[in-house]
Amino acid sequence: MSGRGLRLTVFLDDTDTWHHRPMYTEIVHRAHAAGLAGASVFHGLEGFGATQVVHTTRLLSMADDLPVAVVIIDTEEAVRAFLPQLDDLLIEGVAVLDQVEIVHHRGGRATQREAQ
């Protein structure tokens, strides 16, 4: 895959859950089941959202509700088709879309010959 694509980034708290499972895990598994090209979860060290409360790893009392970003990149059609799956999760966070240019993507493992 190369060329134009769409990046979906969903910002959550690391304590958000869906049926006793981390919300970010649910999103990644739904993206996988939908056949999207890939999804990654990034854990933040500090951040704030709608509550305007800064959560940080520097203060033990505030070390919960840390920011998490789930990033999914695929074709625009595939990402937009996936968006309705986020609606029923009742996410208390922000989801954003960005146009991206995919310059390198290789699915599966490269054979030794391809790697040379």
N, C-alpha and C. Protein backbone atom coordinates (compact mmCIF):
# COMPACT_ATOMS: atom_id res chain seq x y z
N MET A 1 0.84 -1.16 0.00
CA MET A 1 0.00 0.00 0.00
C MET A 1 0.89 1.23 0.00
N SER A 2 0.57 2.17 -0.84
CA SER A 2 1.25 3.45 -0.85
C SER A 2 0.30 4.47 -1.45
N GLY A 3 0.62 5.73 -1.27
CA GLY A 3 -0.23 6.79 -1.78
C GLY A 3 -1.07 7.41 -0.68
N ARG A 4 -2.19 7.97 -1.06
CA ARG A 4 -3.05 8.66 -0.10
C ARG A 4 -3.75 7.68 0.84
N GLY A 5 -3.87 8.11 2.09
CA GLY A 5 -4.56 7.32 3.09
C GLY A 5 -5.18 8.23 4.12
N LEU A 6 -5.75 7.61 5.12
CA LEU A 6 -6.39 8.35 6.20
C LEU A 6 -5.90 7.79 7.53
N ARG A 7 -5.57 8.70 8.45
CA ARG A 7 -5.14 8.30 9.79
C ARG A 7 -6.25 8.65 10.77
N LEU A 8 -6.70 7.64 11.50
CA LEU A 8 -7.67 7.83 12.57
C LEU A 8 -6.91 7.76 13.89
N THR A 9 -7.02 8.78 14.71
CA THR A 9 -6.41 8.78 16.04
C THR A 9 -7.52 8.96 17.05
N VAL A 10 -7.61 8.02 17.98
CA VAL A 10 -8.61 8.08 19.04
C VAL A 10 -7.87 8.32 20.35
N PHE A 11 -8.20 9.40 21.04
CA PHE A 11 -7.56 9.74 22.31
C PHE A 11 -8.49 9.31 23.45
N LEU A 12 -7.94 8.54 24.38
CA LEU A 12 -8.69 7.98 25.50
C LEU A 12 -7.90 8.12 26.79
N ASP A 13 -8.51 7.72 27.89
CA ASP A 13 -7.80 7.53 29.14
C ASP A 13 -7.45 6.05 29.24
N ASP A 14 -6.34 5.72 29.86
CA ASP A 14 -5.96 4.31 29.96
C ASP A 14 -6.87 3.51 30.88
N THR A 15 -7.75 4.19 31.62
CA THR A 15 -8.69 3.48 32.48
C THR A 15 -10.05 3.25 31.82
N ASP A 16 -10.27 3.76 30.60
CA ASP A 16 -11.53 3.54 29.90
C ASP A 16 -11.67 2.07 29.54
N THR A 17 -12.86 1.52 29.78
CA THR A 17 -13.08 0.09 29.51
C THR A 17 -14.35 -0.13 28.70
N TRP A 18 -14.40 -1.30 28.10
CA TRP A 18 -15.57 -1.78 27.38
C TRP A 18 -15.76 -3.24 27.80
N HIS A 19 -16.80 -3.51 28.53
CA HIS A 19 -17.08 -4.85 29.05
C HIS A 19 -15.87 -5.43 29.79
N HIS A 20 -15.34 -4.67 30.73
CA HIS A 20 -14.23 -5.08 31.61
C HIS A 20 -12.92 -5.32 30.87
N ARG A 21 -12.76 -4.71 29.73
CA ARG A 21 -11.55 -4.84 28.91
C ARG A 21 -11.11 -3.43 28.55
N PRO A 22 -9.81 -3.17 28.47
CA PRO A 22 -9.38 -1.82 28.09
C PRO A 22 -9.99 -1.39 26.75
N MET A 23 -10.47 -0.17 26.70
CA MET A 23 -11.10 0.36 25.49
C MET A 23 -10.13 0.32 24.30
N TYR A 24 -8.86 0.65 24.55
CA TYR A 24 -7.89 0.63 23.44
C TYR A 24 -7.73 -0.77 22.88
N THR A 25 -7.82 -1.79 23.72
CA THR A 25 -7.74 -3.17 23.25
C THR A 25 -8.94 -3.50 22.37
N GLU A 26 -10.11 -3.07 22.78
CA GLU A 26 -11.32 -3.32 22.01
C GLU A 26 -11.22 -2.66 20.63
N ILE A 27 -10.72 -1.43 20.58
CA ILE A 27 -10.59 -0.74 19.29
C ILE A 27 -9.61 -1.47 18.39
N VAL A 28 -8.46 -1.87 18.92
CA VAL A 28 -7.46 -2.58 18.12
C VAL A 28 -8.03 -3.89 17.59
N HIS A 29 -8.74 -4.64 18.42
CA HIS A 29 -9.30 -5.92 17.98
C HIS A 29 -10.40 -5.72 16.94
N ARG A 30 -11.18 -4.67 17.09
CA ARG A 30 -12.19 -4.38 16.07
C ARG A 30 -11.54 -3.97 14.75
N ALA A 31 -10.47 -3.19 14.82
CA ALA A 31 -9.75 -2.80 13.61
C ALA A 31 -9.16 -4.03 12.92
N HIS A 32 -8.62 -4.93 13.70
CA HIS A 32 -8.06 -6.17 13.15
C HIS A 32 -9.15 -7.00 12.48
N ALA A 33 -10.27 -7.16 13.17
CA ALA A 33 -11.39 -7.95 12.62
C ALA A 33 -11.94 -7.31 11.35
N ALA A 34 -11.86 -5.98 11.25
CA ALA A 34 -12.34 -5.27 10.06
C ALA A 34 -11.35 -5.36 8.90
N GLY A 35 -10.17 -5.94 9.15
CA GLY A 35 -9.19 -6.09 8.08
C GLY A 35 -8.38 -4.85 7.77
N LEU A 36 -8.34 -3.90 8.70
CA LEU A 36 -7.56 -2.69 8.46
C LEU A 36 -6.07 -3.00 8.43
N ALA A 37 -5.30 -2.13 7.81
CA ALA A 37 -3.87 -2.38 7.59
C ALA A 37 -3.08 -2.46 8.89
N GLY A 38 -3.48 -1.70 9.91
CA GLY A 38 -2.75 -1.76 11.17
C GLY A 38 -3.29 -0.78 12.18
N ALA A 39 -2.99 -1.06 13.44
CA ALA A 39 -3.38 -0.18 14.54
C ALA A 39 -2.30 -0.26 15.60
N SER A 40 -2.01 0.86 16.22
CA SER A 40 -1.02 0.91 17.30
C SER A 40 -1.58 1.74 18.45
N VAL A 41 -1.15 1.39 19.66
CA VAL A 41 -1.57 2.12 20.85
C VAL A 41 -0.33 2.78 21.45
N PHE A 42 -0.45 4.07 21.75
CA PHE A 42 0.64 4.83 22.34
C PHE A 42 0.18 5.35 23.70
N HIS A 43 0.98 5.09 24.72
CA HIS A 43 0.64 5.49 26.07
C HIS A 43 1.34 6.80 26.40
N GLY A 44 0.57 7.77 26.85
CA GLY A 44 1.12 9.08 27.15
C GLY A 44 1.62 9.19 28.57
N LEU A 45 2.51 10.13 28.78
CA LEU A 45 3.08 10.38 30.10
C LEU A 45 2.34 11.47 30.85
N GLU A 46 1.67 12.35 30.10
CA GLU A 46 1.01 13.47 30.73
C GLU A 46 -0.03 14.02 29.75
N GLY A 47 -1.13 14.52 30.29
CA GLY A 47 -2.13 15.11 29.42
C GLY A 47 -3.36 15.56 30.17
N PHE A 48 -4.25 16.26 29.46
CA PHE A 48 -5.54 16.64 30.03
C PHE A 48 -6.55 16.67 28.90
N GLY A 49 -7.81 16.60 29.29
CA GLY A 49 -8.88 16.60 28.30
C GLY A 49 -10.00 17.51 28.74
N ALA A 50 -11.22 17.04 28.51
CA ALA A 50 -12.41 17.86 28.77
C ALA A 50 -12.52 18.30 30.22
N THR A 51 -12.03 17.50 31.16
CA THR A 51 -12.14 17.86 32.58
C THR A 51 -11.15 18.94 32.98
N GLN A 52 -10.16 19.20 32.14
CA GLN A 52 -9.11 20.19 32.39
C GLN A 52 -8.21 19.81 33.56
N VAL A 53 -8.25 18.55 34.00
CA VAL A 53 -7.37 18.06 35.05
C VAL A 53 -6.14 17.45 34.38
N VAL A 54 -4.96 17.91 34.76
CA VAL A 54 -3.72 17.37 34.19
C VAL A 54 -3.39 16.07 34.92
N HIS A 55 -3.24 15.00 34.15
CA HIS A 55 -2.85 13.70 34.68
C HIS A 55 -1.41 13.46 34.27
N THR A 56 -0.61 12.99 35.20
CA THR A 56 0.82 12.82 34.92
C THR A 56 1.38 11.64 35.69
N THR A 57 2.46 11.09 35.19
CA THR A 57 3.15 10.02 35.90
C THR A 57 4.06 10.58 36.98
N ARG A 58 4.26 11.89 36.99
CA ARG A 58 5.17 12.50 37.96
C ARG A 58 4.58 12.58 39.37
N LEU A 59 3.27 12.60 39.47
CA LEU A 59 2.62 12.65 40.78
C LEU A 59 1.88 11.34 40.99
N LEU A 60 2.24 10.60 42.01
CA LEU A 60 1.63 9.29 42.24
C LEU A 60 0.11 9.39 42.38
N SER A 61 -0.36 10.46 42.98
CA SER A 61 -1.80 10.61 43.17
C SER A 61 -2.54 10.85 41.86
N MET A 62 -1.84 11.26 40.82
CA MET A 62 -2.48 11.56 39.53
C MET A 62 -2.04 10.58 38.45
N ALA A 63 -1.49 9.43 38.84
CA ALA A 63 -0.93 8.50 37.88
C ALA A 63 -1.97 7.60 37.23
N ASP A 64 -3.26 7.89 37.42
CA ASP A 64 -4.29 7.15 36.71
C ASP A 64 -4.90 8.05 35.65
N ASP A 65 -5.71 7.49 34.82
CA ASP A 65 -6.34 8.23 33.72
C ASP A 65 -5.31 8.89 32.81
N LEU A 66 -4.21 8.19 32.54
CA LEU A 66 -3.20 8.74 31.65
C LEU A 66 -3.68 8.64 30.20
N PRO A 67 -3.18 9.52 29.35
CA PRO A 67 -3.64 9.52 27.97
C PRO A 67 -3.14 8.32 27.18
N VAL A 68 -4.01 7.86 26.29
CA VAL A 68 -3.69 6.77 25.36
C VAL A 68 -4.18 7.22 23.99
N ALA A 69 -3.39 6.98 22.96
CA ALA A 69 -3.79 7.27 21.59
C ALA A 69 -3.77 5.98 20.79
N VAL A 70 -4.89 5.66 20.15
CA VAL A 70 -4.97 4.53 19.24
C VAL A 70 -4.88 5.11 17.84
N VAL A 71 -3.89 4.67 17.07
CA VAL A 71 -3.67 5.20 15.72
C VAL A 71 -3.89 4.10 14.71
N ILE A 72 -4.75 4.39 13.73
CA ILE A 72 -5.08 3.44 12.66
C ILE A 72 -4.86 4.16 11.34
N ILE A 73 -4.15 3.51 10.42
CA ILE A 73 -3.92 4.09 9.09
C ILE A 73 -4.28 3.06 8.04
N ASP A 74 -5.06 3.50 7.06
CA ASP A 74 -5.44 2.65 5.94
C ASP A 74 -5.95 3.58 4.84
N THR A 75 -6.59 3.01 3.84
CA THR A 75 -7.18 3.84 2.79
C THR A 75 -8.34 4.64 3.39
N GLU A 76 -8.67 5.73 2.75
CA GLU A 76 -9.78 6.55 3.25
C GLU A 76 -11.07 5.74 3.32
N GLU A 77 -11.33 4.94 2.31
CA GLU A 77 -12.55 4.15 2.27
C GLU A 77 -12.61 3.17 3.44
N ALA A 78 -11.50 2.49 3.72
CA ALA A 78 -11.47 1.50 4.79
C ALA A 78 -11.65 2.15 6.16
N VAL A 79 -10.99 3.27 6.39
CA VAL A 79 -11.09 3.95 7.69
C VAL A 79 -12.50 4.49 7.88
N ARG A 80 -13.06 5.12 6.86
CA ARG A 80 -14.42 5.67 6.99
C ARG A 80 -15.45 4.56 7.20
N ALA A 81 -15.24 3.41 6.59
CA ALA A 81 -16.15 2.27 6.79
C ALA A 81 -16.05 1.74 8.22
N PHE A 82 -14.91 1.94 8.87
CA PHE A 82 -14.70 1.46 10.23
C PHE A 82 -15.31 2.39 11.28
N LEU A 83 -15.47 3.67 10.98
CA LEU A 83 -15.93 4.66 11.95
C LEU A 83 -17.21 4.27 12.69
N PRO A 84 -18.23 3.69 12.05
CA PRO A 84 -19.43 3.32 12.80
C PRO A 84 -19.16 2.33 13.95
N GLN A 85 -18.08 1.57 13.87
CA GLN A 85 -17.76 0.65 14.95
C GLN A 85 -17.34 1.38 16.22
N LEU A 86 -16.91 2.64 16.09
CA LEU A 86 -16.55 3.43 17.27
C LEU A 86 -17.80 3.99 17.95
N ASP A 87 -18.86 4.21 17.18
CA ASP A 87 -20.06 4.83 17.73
C ASP A 87 -20.66 4.05 18.88
N ASP A 88 -20.75 2.73 18.77
CA ASP A 88 -21.38 1.96 19.82
C ASP A 88 -20.49 1.73 21.04
N LEU A 89 -19.24 2.20 20.99
CA LEU A 89 -18.34 2.08 22.14
C LEU A 89 -18.55 3.19 23.16
N LEU A 90 -19.30 4.23 22.78
CA LEU A 90 -19.58 5.35 23.68
C LEU A 90 -18.29 5.92 24.26
N ILE A 91 -17.34 6.19 23.40
CA ILE A 91 -16.03 6.69 23.81
C ILE A 91 -16.14 8.10 24.38
N GLU A 92 -15.57 8.29 25.56
CA GLU A 92 -15.47 9.63 26.14
C GLU A 92 -14.07 10.15 25.84
N GLY A 93 -13.89 10.61 24.64
CA GLY A 93 -12.60 11.09 24.20
C GLY A 93 -12.78 11.78 22.87
N VAL A 94 -11.71 11.95 22.17
CA VAL A 94 -11.73 12.64 20.88
C VAL A 94 -11.19 11.70 19.82
N ALA A 95 -11.84 11.69 18.67
CA ALA A 95 -11.34 10.96 17.52
C ALA A 95 -11.12 11.97 16.40
N VAL A 96 -9.95 11.90 15.76
CA VAL A 96 -9.63 12.83 14.68
C VAL A 96 -9.19 12.06 13.45
N LEU A 97 -9.41 12.66 12.30
CA LEU A 97 -8.99 12.10 11.02
C LEU A 97 -8.00 13.06 10.37
N ASP A 98 -6.93 12.50 9.79
CA ASP A 98 -5.94 13.28 9.06
C ASP A 98 -5.65 12.60 7.74
N GLN A 99 -5.56 13.40 6.68
CA GLN A 99 -5.10 12.88 5.40
C GLN A 99 -3.60 12.61 5.53
N VAL A 100 -3.15 11.47 5.05
CA VAL A 100 -1.72 11.13 5.11
C VAL A 100 -1.28 10.60 3.76
N GLU A 101 0.02 10.65 3.56
CA GLU A 101 0.62 10.01 2.40
C GLU A 101 1.42 8.82 2.89
N ILE A 102 1.05 7.64 2.44
CA ILE A 102 1.72 6.41 2.86
C ILE A 102 2.89 6.20 1.90
N VAL A 103 4.10 6.23 2.45
CA VAL A 103 5.27 6.11 1.60
C VAL A 103 5.91 4.73 1.70
N HIS A 104 5.55 3.99 2.75
CA HIS A 104 6.10 2.64 2.87
C HIS A 104 5.17 1.79 3.72
N HIS A 105 4.81 0.65 3.21
CA HIS A 105 4.03 -0.32 3.97
C HIS A 105 4.28 -1.68 3.33
N ARG A 106 4.66 -2.61 4.14
CA ARG A 106 4.87 -3.97 3.64
C ARG A 106 4.16 -4.91 4.58
N GLY A 107 3.21 -5.64 4.07
CA GLY A 107 2.48 -6.61 4.89
C GLY A 107 3.26 -7.90 4.98
N GLY A 108 3.12 -8.60 6.09
CA GLY A 108 3.78 -9.88 6.27
C GLY A 108 5.27 -9.73 6.44
N ARG A 109 5.93 -10.85 6.52
CA ARG A 109 7.39 -10.83 6.68
C ARG A 109 8.07 -10.91 5.32
N ALA A 110 9.11 -10.15 5.17
CA ALA A 110 9.87 -10.18 3.93
C ALA A 110 10.72 -11.45 3.89
N THR A 111 10.82 -12.03 2.74
CA THR A 111 11.70 -13.18 2.60
C THR A 111 13.14 -12.69 2.64
N GLN A 112 14.05 -13.58 2.85
CA GLN A 112 15.47 -13.19 2.91
C GLN A 112 15.89 -12.57 1.58
N ARG A 113 15.38 -13.09 0.47
CA ARG A 113 15.74 -12.56 -0.84
C ARG A 113 15.25 -11.13 -1.00
N GLU A 114 13.98 -10.83 -0.53
CA GLU A 114 13.45 -9.47 -0.63
C GLU A 114 14.22 -8.50 0.25
N ALA A 115 14.73 -8.97 1.38
CA ALA A 115 15.42 -8.10 2.31
C ALA A 115 16.80 -7.69 1.81
N GLN A 116 17.33 -8.41 0.84
CA GLN A 116 18.68 -8.11 0.35
C GLN A 116 18.68 -7.04 -0.68
